[in-house]
Amino acid sequence: MRKLAKAKHLRFYGLMLRFPISGVFLTVWSGDALDVFGCSLNSLFTPDAQLAAAAAFLHNLVLPAVFYLAISAHFGAVTKHHFAERRPLEVRRMLR
């Protein structure tokens, strides 16, 4: 269970990184200006409507659905530990 929990947390962190990265790709591929610390990222990418549409689909639909599914699974695991298995100490450890 600990290995599963560690893998799940790593996926959470990966998901949290995918949101801003997909937002950056969505912005630059749609041709909008994006400056990061005074450096323009638009010169690195050429606008592409097809790639912008794919990034928009990923950023606006897929990633939020995966995020809410992961949160629901996490809440379900905590509920299972607390009520079904009667392990309140594990739940306290998770909440720390």
C-alpha atoms as a PDB file:
ATOM      1  CA  MET A   1       0.000   0.000   0.000  1.00  0.00           C
ATOM      2  CA  ARG A   2       2.863   2.358   0.710  1.00  0.00           C
ATOM      3  CA  LYS A   3       4.296   1.796  -2.779  1.00  0.00           C
ATOM      4  CA  LEU A   4       0.886   2.484  -4.269  1.00  0.00           C
ATOM      5  CA  ALA A   5       0.554   5.660  -2.200  1.00  0.00           C
ATOM      6  CA  LYS A   6       4.016   6.837  -3.267  1.00  0.00           C
ATOM      7  CA  ALA A   7       3.212   6.173  -6.929  1.00  0.00           C
ATOM      8  CA  LYS A   8      -0.079   8.032  -6.569  1.00  0.00           C
ATOM      9  CA  HIS A   9       1.649  11.035  -5.044  1.00  0.00           C
ATOM     10  CA  LEU A  10       4.211  11.095  -7.841  1.00  0.00           C
ATOM     11  CA  ARG A  11       1.348  11.091 -10.339  1.00  0.00           C
ATOM     12  CA  PHE A  12      -0.241  13.999  -8.468  1.00  0.00           C
ATOM     13  CA  TYR A  13       2.984  16.001  -8.800  1.00  0.00           C
ATOM     14  CA  GLY A  14       3.252  15.106 -12.478  1.00  0.00           C
ATOM     15  CA  LEU A  15      -0.324  16.210 -12.992  1.00  0.00           C
ATOM     16  CA  MET A  16       0.366  19.494 -11.228  1.00  0.00           C
ATOM     17  CA  LEU A  17       3.281  20.100 -13.616  1.00  0.00           C
ATOM     18  CA  ARG A  18       1.259  19.196 -16.708  1.00  0.00           C
ATOM     19  CA  PHE A  19      -1.310  21.945 -16.088  1.00  0.00           C
ATOM     20  CA  PRO A  20       1.054  24.928 -16.470  1.00  0.00           C
ATOM     21  CA  ILE A  21       3.080  23.246 -19.215  1.00  0.00           C
ATOM     22  CA  SER A  22      -0.039  22.592 -21.294  1.00  0.00           C
ATOM     23  CA  GLY A  23      -1.127  26.185 -20.630  1.00  0.00           C
ATOM     24  CA  VAL A  24       2.190  27.483 -21.950  1.00  0.00           C
ATOM     25  CA  PHE A  25       1.895  25.360 -25.088  1.00  0.00           C
ATOM     26  CA  LEU A  26      -1.708  26.465 -25.545  1.00  0.00           C
ATOM     27  CA  THR A  27      -0.675  30.121 -25.317  1.00  0.00           C
ATOM     28  CA  VAL A  28       2.329  30.029 -27.635  1.00  0.00           C
ATOM     29  CA  TRP A  29       0.757  27.744 -30.250  1.00  0.00           C
ATOM     30  CA  SER A  30      -2.299  29.959 -30.456  1.00  0.00           C
ATOM     31  CA  GLY A  31      -0.026  32.928 -31.205  1.00  0.00           C
ATOM     32  CA  ASP A  32      -0.583  34.906 -28.000  1.00  0.00           C
ATOM     33  CA  ALA A  33       2.344  36.715 -26.415  1.00  0.00           C
ATOM     34  CA  LEU A  34       3.997  34.987 -23.464  1.00  0.00           C
ATOM     35  CA  ASP A  35       6.886  36.524 -21.564  1.00  0.00           C
ATOM     36  CA  VAL A  36       8.612  34.629 -18.758  1.00  0.00           C
ATOM     37  CA  PHE A  37      11.022  36.700 -16.676  1.00  0.00           C
ATOM     38  CA  GLY A  38      11.392  39.167 -19.536  1.00  0.00           C
ATOM     39  CA  CYS A  39      12.166  36.481 -22.107  1.00  0.00           C
ATOM     40  CA  SER A  40       9.651  35.957 -24.896  1.00  0.00           C
ATOM     41  CA  LEU A  41       8.730  32.332 -25.569  1.00  0.00           C
ATOM     42  CA  ASN A  42       6.969  33.176 -28.826  1.00  0.00           C
ATOM     43  CA  SER A  43      10.254  33.202 -30.727  1.00  0.00           C
ATOM     44  CA  LEU A  44      10.834  29.554 -29.769  1.00  0.00           C
ATOM     45  CA  PHE A  45       7.498  28.280 -31.156  1.00  0.00           C
ATOM     46  CA  THR A  46       5.580  28.972 -34.330  1.00  0.00           C
ATOM     47  CA  PRO A  47       1.807  29.347 -34.021  1.00  0.00           C
ATOM     48  CA  ASP A  48      -0.064  26.218 -35.088  1.00  0.00           C
ATOM     49  CA  ALA A  49      -3.858  26.017 -34.892  1.00  0.00           C
ATOM     50  CA  GLN A  50      -3.928  22.210 -34.822  1.00  0.00           C
ATOM     51  CA  LEU A  51      -1.445  21.952 -31.965  1.00  0.00           C
ATOM     52  CA  ALA A  52      -3.235  24.771 -30.138  1.00  0.00           C
ATOM     53  CA  ALA A  53      -6.522  22.863 -30.411  1.00  0.00           C
ATOM     54  CA  ALA A  54      -4.872  19.705 -29.055  1.00  0.00           C
ATOM     55  CA  ALA A  55      -3.305  21.640 -26.175  1.00  0.00           C
ATOM     56  CA  ALA A  56      -6.656  23.314 -25.431  1.00  0.00           C
ATOM     57  CA  PHE A  57      -8.381  19.918 -25.337  1.00  0.00           C
ATOM     58  CA  LEU A  58      -5.712  18.578 -22.992  1.00  0.00           C
ATOM     59  CA  HIS A  59      -5.616  21.675 -20.775  1.00  0.00           C
ATOM     60  CA  ASN A  60      -9.358  22.331 -20.565  1.00  0.00           C
ATOM     61  CA  LEU A  61     -10.899  18.837 -20.602  1.00  0.00           C
ATOM     62  CA  VAL A  62      -8.524  15.930 -20.085  1.00  0.00           C
ATOM     63  CA  LEU A  63      -6.316  17.221 -17.272  1.00  0.00           C
ATOM     64  CA  PRO A  64      -9.194  18.523 -15.112  1.00  0.00           C
ATOM     65  CA  ALA A  65     -11.038  15.205 -15.517  1.00  0.00           C
ATOM     66  CA  VAL A  66      -7.930  13.242 -14.504  1.00  0.00           C
ATOM     67  CA  PHE A  67      -7.347  15.622 -11.594  1.00  0.00           C
ATOM     68  CA  TYR A  68     -10.880  15.224 -10.231  1.00  0.00           C
ATOM     69  CA  LEU A  69     -10.698  11.462 -10.697  1.00  0.00           C
ATOM     70  CA  ALA A  70      -7.429  11.338  -8.750  1.00  0.00           C
ATOM     71  CA  ILE A  71      -8.858  13.486  -5.947  1.00  0.00           C
ATOM     72  CA  SER A  72     -11.913  11.210  -5.770  1.00  0.00           C
ATOM     73  CA  ALA A  73      -9.716   8.110  -5.621  1.00  0.00           C
ATOM     74  CA  HIS A  74      -7.647   9.678  -2.854  1.00  0.00           C
ATOM     75  CA  PHE A  75     -10.756  10.590  -0.872  1.00  0.00           C
ATOM     76  CA  GLY A  76     -12.070   7.054  -1.379  1.00  0.00           C
ATOM     77  CA  ALA A  77      -8.824   5.550  -0.061  1.00  0.00           C
ATOM     78  CA  VAL A  78      -8.914   7.740   3.050  1.00  0.00           C
ATOM     79  CA  THR A  79     -12.561   6.846   3.642  1.00  0.00           C
ATOM     80  CA  LYS A  80     -11.795   3.126   3.203  1.00  0.00           C
ATOM     81  CA  HIS A  81      -8.924   3.277   5.707  1.00  0.00           C
ATOM     82  CA  HIS A  82     -10.977   5.153   8.242  1.00  0.00           C
ATOM     83  CA  PHE A  83     -14.355   3.417   8.080  1.00  0.00           C
ATOM     84  CA  ALA A  84     -13.868  -0.023   6.494  1.00  0.00           C
ATOM     85  CA  GLU A  85     -10.499  -0.977   7.950  1.00  0.00           C
ATOM     86  CA  ARG A  86     -10.812   1.015  11.186  1.00  0.00           C
ATOM     87  CA  ARG A  87      -7.283   2.450  10.995  1.00  0.00           C
ATOM     88  CA  PRO A  88      -7.575   5.998  12.329  1.00  0.00           C
ATOM     89  CA  LEU A  89      -3.815   6.256  12.929  1.00  0.00           C
ATOM     90  CA  GLU A  90      -3.163   5.839   9.194  1.00  0.00           C
ATOM     91  CA  VAL A  91      -5.725   8.511   8.427  1.00  0.00           C
ATOM     92  CA  ARG A  92      -4.023  10.868  10.902  1.00  0.00           C
ATOM     93  CA  ARG A  93      -0.687  10.132   9.227  1.00  0.00           C
ATOM     94  CA  MET A  94      -2.203  10.938   5.815  1.00  0.00           C
ATOM     95  CA  LEU A  95      -3.565  14.240   7.084  1.00  0.00           C
ATOM     96  CA  ARG A  96      -0.220  15.418   8.439  1.00  0.00           C
END
